[in-house]
């Protein structure tokens, strides 16, 4: 099946979904949310595919997060519903995926893009990757995953610093604090990820599914509660009148990524 904003390919037992809006740093809009959910479902139903890789098109970005141009022009209300349409296409789709998912982070992983990576089971990063939650700079916060997935990975202190400061970190720091499993040279990223994916795919698909389910079982209720709380509080935060001006400044490139 062809998609407008993602590419789905398969090599042997490994499927790859590539976020395909490089001209927009693979920012996530409504169409991508829908395409991503459908592509994830397609991989789930593919009996031959045992592992899924998610990466971004181009050399600059995994995903820069929410498409602020579309967001600023959206007529969908309340804003909680706008967020759910995208988050349900990514976080929930991956949360329900029984097959292992590896994020190949090839550049910027910012805001919702980093939250998408957090929803994956394993994260491998290029040494050129940059990570951050910039939402606080514009008067809101990353309520689509960071507020409940980040702290178990990096600890409460680092989670607070990343979300509350809005400052980016390098791939080296991300590896040191446990945000990513490891960092590899940029030009070797996909080869390294595929090597790991093939190693995992060589195992029994039933055992893989059950092992992943066992690890996730204790976190499932926490995931759903965290999602609902995050969506509700982010909707409240986005009533902040400063958001419109900060978003406009970003779109007009008065504030750079």
Protein backbone atom coordinates (compact mmCIF):
# COMPACT_ATOMS: atom_id res chain seq x y z
CA UNK A 1 0.00 0.00 0.00
CA UNK A 2 1.27 3.49 -0.88
CA UNK A 3 1.18 6.26 1.72
CA UNK A 4 1.38 10.04 1.38
CA UNK A 5 3.71 10.78 4.30
CA UNK A 6 5.47 7.53 5.19
CA UNK A 7 7.22 4.75 3.29
CA UNK A 8 6.76 1.11 4.21
CA UNK A 9 9.30 -1.42 2.98
CA UNK A 10 10.27 -4.94 3.95
CA UNK A 11 13.46 -6.91 3.63
CA UNK A 12 13.12 -10.52 4.74
CA UNK A 13 11.60 -10.59 8.22
CA UNK A 14 12.28 -6.91 8.96
CA UNK A 15 9.84 -4.12 8.04
CA UNK A 16 10.81 -0.45 7.96
CA UNK A 17 8.54 2.58 8.25
CA UNK A 18 10.23 5.81 7.15
CA UNK A 19 8.67 9.13 8.14
CA UNK A 20 8.72 10.85 4.78
CA UNK A 21 8.41 14.63 5.03
CA UNK A 22 12.09 15.59 4.90
CA UNK A 23 11.29 19.10 3.66
CA UNK A 24 9.50 19.66 7.00
CA UNK A 25 12.06 17.74 9.10
CA UNK A 26 9.53 14.88 9.14
CA UNK A 27 7.16 16.92 11.32
CA UNK A 28 3.99 15.04 12.18
CA UNK A 29 0.70 16.30 10.76
CA UNK A 30 -2.75 14.71 10.65
CA UNK A 31 -1.99 12.81 7.47
CA UNK A 32 1.17 11.34 8.95
CA UNK A 33 -0.73 10.30 12.07
CA UNK A 34 -3.23 8.43 9.92
CA UNK A 35 -0.57 6.96 7.63
CA UNK A 36 1.58 5.85 10.53
CA UNK A 37 -1.31 4.11 12.26
CA UNK A 38 -2.30 2.30 9.05
CA UNK A 39 1.28 1.29 8.25
CA UNK A 40 1.79 -0.03 11.79
CA UNK A 41 -1.41 -2.07 11.43
CA UNK A 42 -0.15 -3.43 8.11
CA UNK A 43 3.09 -4.60 9.75
CA UNK A 44 1.16 -6.10 12.65
CA UNK A 45 -0.89 -8.21 10.28
CA UNK A 46 2.09 -9.28 8.16
CA UNK A 47 2.94 -12.79 9.35
CA UNK A 48 6.38 -12.67 7.76
CA UNK A 49 7.47 -9.45 9.47
CA UNK A 50 8.93 -10.09 12.93
CA UNK A 51 10.61 -6.76 13.70
CA UNK A 52 9.74 -3.15 12.81
CA UNK A 53 12.24 -0.32 12.32
CA UNK A 54 11.09 3.31 12.38
CA UNK A 55 13.33 6.06 11.02
CA UNK A 56 13.16 9.42 9.24
CA UNK A 57 13.81 10.37 5.63
CA UNK A 58 16.88 12.49 4.88
CA UNK A 59 19.95 13.19 6.98
CA UNK A 60 18.62 15.94 9.23
CA UNK A 61 15.76 14.57 11.26
CA UNK A 62 14.05 11.54 12.71
CA UNK A 63 11.13 13.88 13.41
CA UNK A 64 10.92 17.47 14.60
CA UNK A 65 7.59 16.72 16.26
CA UNK A 66 4.27 18.44 15.71
CA UNK A 67 3.73 20.32 12.46
CA UNK A 68 3.25 23.80 13.92
CA UNK A 69 2.06 25.29 10.64
CA UNK A 70 -0.84 22.86 10.49
CA UNK A 71 -1.43 23.18 14.22
CA UNK A 72 -1.66 26.99 14.00
CA UNK A 73 -4.28 26.73 11.26
CA UNK A 74 -6.28 23.88 12.78
CA UNK A 75 -10.00 24.40 13.34
CA UNK A 76 -10.34 21.22 15.41
CA UNK A 77 -11.53 21.87 18.95
CA UNK A 78 -10.86 21.13 21.68
CA UNK A 79 -7.10 20.99 21.15
CA UNK A 80 -7.06 17.71 23.12
CA UNK A 81 -8.85 16.09 20.18
CA UNK A 82 -6.27 17.52 17.75
CA UNK A 83 -3.48 15.95 19.81
CA UNK A 84 -5.24 12.60 20.14
CA UNK A 85 -5.61 12.25 16.38
CA UNK A 86 -1.84 12.32 16.00
CA UNK A 87 -0.84 10.54 19.21
CA UNK A 88 -3.23 7.65 18.60
CA UNK A 89 -1.57 7.18 15.22
CA UNK A 90 1.82 6.79 16.87
CA UNK A 91 1.98 6.03 20.60
CA UNK A 92 -1.08 3.80 20.80
CA UNK A 93 -0.24 2.05 17.55
CA UNK A 94 3.23 1.18 18.82
CA UNK A 95 2.01 0.39 22.32
CA UNK A 96 -0.32 -2.23 20.86
CA UNK A 97 2.28 -3.62 18.44
CA UNK A 98 3.16 -7.18 19.57
CA UNK A 99 6.37 -7.22 17.50
CA UNK A 100 9.62 -5.56 18.63
CA UNK A 101 10.09 -1.99 17.37
CA UNK A 102 13.46 -0.28 16.95
CA UNK A 103 13.84 3.48 16.44
CA UNK A 104 16.76 4.41 14.15
CA UNK A 105 17.26 8.03 15.17
CA UNK A 106 19.10 9.73 12.33
CA UNK A 107 18.92 13.40 13.33
CA UNK A 108 16.63 15.74 15.25
CA UNK A 109 14.26 13.91 17.61
CA UNK A 110 12.33 16.82 19.04
CA UNK A 111 9.07 17.05 20.98
CA UNK A 112 6.54 14.63 19.54
CA UNK A 113 9.30 13.09 17.42
CA UNK A 114 11.19 12.12 20.55
CA UNK A 115 7.96 10.91 22.13
CA UNK A 116 7.48 8.65 19.12
CA UNK A 117 10.96 7.24 19.71
CA UNK A 118 10.11 6.72 23.39
CA UNK A 119 7.17 4.55 22.31
CA UNK A 120 9.60 2.18 20.55
CA UNK A 121 11.17 -0.74 22.40
CA UNK A 122 14.79 0.01 21.48
CA UNK A 123 16.46 3.26 20.39
CA UNK A 124 19.68 3.41 18.38
CA UNK A 125 20.99 6.88 17.54
CA UNK A 126 23.33 8.43 15.02
CA UNK A 127 26.19 10.40 16.55
CA UNK A 128 24.68 13.43 14.77
CA UNK A 129 21.31 13.10 16.51
CA UNK A 130 19.91 15.82 18.78
CA UNK A 131 17.23 15.29 21.40
CA UNK A 132 14.93 17.70 23.19
CA UNK A 133 11.49 18.75 24.33
CA UNK A 134 11.04 22.33 23.11
CA UNK A 135 7.36 22.62 24.03
CA UNK A 136 8.01 24.54 27.27
CA UNK A 137 9.55 27.33 25.16
CA UNK A 138 6.16 27.90 23.57
CA UNK A 139 4.05 27.72 26.70
CA UNK A 140 2.97 24.09 26.78
CA UNK A 141 4.56 20.70 27.47
CA UNK A 142 5.13 17.26 25.90
CA UNK A 143 2.03 15.42 27.10
CA UNK A 144 2.08 12.66 24.48
CA UNK A 145 4.53 10.33 26.18
CA UNK A 146 7.39 12.21 27.81
CA UNK A 147 5.56 12.79 31.08
CA UNK A 148 5.20 9.06 31.78
CA UNK A 149 7.75 7.24 29.59
CA UNK A 150 10.81 9.40 30.17
CA UNK A 151 11.40 9.12 33.92
CA UNK A 152 11.56 5.28 33.98
CA UNK A 153 14.32 5.49 31.36
CA UNK A 154 16.46 8.39 32.57
CA UNK A 155 15.35 9.01 36.15
CA UNK A 156 13.18 11.75 37.62
CA UNK A 157 15.92 14.38 37.68
CA UNK A 158 16.84 14.14 34.03
CA UNK A 159 13.19 13.88 33.02
CA UNK A 160 12.45 17.10 34.90
CA UNK A 161 15.44 18.90 33.42
CA UNK A 162 14.68 17.89 29.83
CA UNK A 163 10.98 18.78 30.01
CA UNK A 164 11.23 21.92 32.17
CA UNK A 165 14.30 23.52 30.56
CA UNK A 166 13.45 22.84 26.93
CA UNK A 167 17.17 22.52 26.24
CA UNK A 168 18.52 19.94 23.75
CA UNK A 169 21.08 17.25 24.48
CA UNK A 170 23.56 15.48 22.24
CA UNK A 171 23.52 11.82 21.29
CA UNK A 172 26.47 11.26 23.65
CA UNK A 173 24.50 12.60 26.63
CA UNK A 174 21.38 10.70 25.54
CA UNK A 175 23.35 7.46 25.65
CA UNK A 176 24.92 8.27 29.02
CA UNK A 177 21.58 8.90 30.72
CA UNK A 178 19.84 5.90 29.15
CA UNK A 179 17.59 7.73 26.72
CA UNK A 180 19.02 5.63 23.87
CA UNK A 181 20.50 2.14 23.96
CA UNK A 182 23.60 3.16 22.04
CA UNK A 183 25.10 5.63 19.59
CA UNK A 184 26.78 4.66 16.33
CA UNK A 185 28.52 6.63 13.55
CA UNK A 186 25.94 8.36 11.36
CA UNK A 187 26.92 6.50 8.19
CA UNK A 188 26.61 3.13 9.98
CA UNK A 189 23.24 3.76 11.64
CA UNK A 190 20.96 1.75 9.37
CA UNK A 191 23.43 -1.10 8.99
CA UNK A 192 23.75 -1.33 12.79
CA UNK A 193 19.99 -1.21 13.30
CA UNK A 194 19.33 -3.80 10.62
CA UNK A 195 21.96 -6.10 12.12
CA UNK A 196 20.20 -5.93 15.50
CA UNK A 197 16.78 -6.31 13.86
CA UNK A 198 17.91 -9.43 11.98
CA UNK A 199 19.35 -10.90 15.18
CA UNK A 200 16.02 -10.39 16.95
CA UNK A 201 14.00 -11.58 13.93
CA UNK A 202 15.91 -14.87 13.92
CA UNK A 203 14.22 -15.81 17.20
CA UNK A 204 10.85 -17.56 17.59
CA UNK A 205 8.06 -15.05 16.77
CA UNK A 206 5.90 -16.51 19.52
CA UNK A 207 8.68 -16.16 22.07
CA UNK A 208 9.36 -12.58 20.94
CA UNK A 209 5.71 -11.64 21.30
CA UNK A 210 5.35 -13.22 24.72
CA UNK A 211 8.63 -11.78 26.02
CA UNK A 212 7.64 -8.27 24.91
CA UNK A 213 4.19 -8.71 26.43
CA UNK A 214 5.70 -9.88 29.72
CA UNK A 215 7.95 -6.81 29.94
CA UNK A 216 5.11 -4.44 29.05
CA UNK A 217 2.38 -6.07 31.12
CA UNK A 218 3.09 -4.23 34.35
CA UNK A 219 3.31 -0.93 32.46
CA UNK A 220 0.12 -1.19 30.42
CA UNK A 221 -2.28 0.43 32.89
CA UNK A 222 0.31 3.10 33.67
CA UNK A 223 0.63 3.82 29.93
CA UNK A 224 -3.08 4.42 29.45
CA UNK A 225 -3.48 6.47 32.62
CA UNK A 226 -0.41 8.51 31.70
CA UNK A 227 -1.75 9.09 28.19
CA UNK A 228 -5.13 10.34 29.39
CA UNK A 229 -3.62 12.58 32.06
CA UNK A 230 -1.03 13.93 29.62
CA UNK A 231 -3.65 14.72 26.98
CA UNK A 232 -5.96 16.45 29.44
CA UNK A 233 -3.27 18.58 31.08
CA UNK A 234 -1.67 19.47 27.75
CA UNK A 235 -5.07 20.63 26.51
CA UNK A 236 -5.29 22.86 29.59
CA UNK A 237 -1.76 24.18 29.06
CA UNK A 238 -2.54 25.01 25.45
CA UNK A 239 -5.16 27.55 26.51
CA UNK A 240 -2.15 29.73 27.36
CA UNK A 241 -2.47 32.88 25.17
CA UNK A 242 1.32 33.03 24.74
CA UNK A 243 1.21 29.91 22.56
CA UNK A 244 -0.22 31.67 19.53
CA UNK A 245 2.55 34.26 19.50
CA UNK A 246 5.35 31.75 20.11
CA UNK A 247 4.00 29.46 17.40
CA UNK A 248 3.73 32.39 14.98
CA UNK A 249 7.33 33.37 15.78
CA UNK A 250 8.53 29.87 15.01
CA UNK A 251 6.63 29.71 11.71
CA UNK A 252 8.00 33.11 10.69
CA UNK A 253 11.46 31.80 11.64
CA UNK A 254 11.97 34.41 14.32
CA UNK A 255 12.64 31.44 16.61
CA UNK A 256 14.82 28.68 15.19
CA UNK A 257 14.63 24.95 15.87
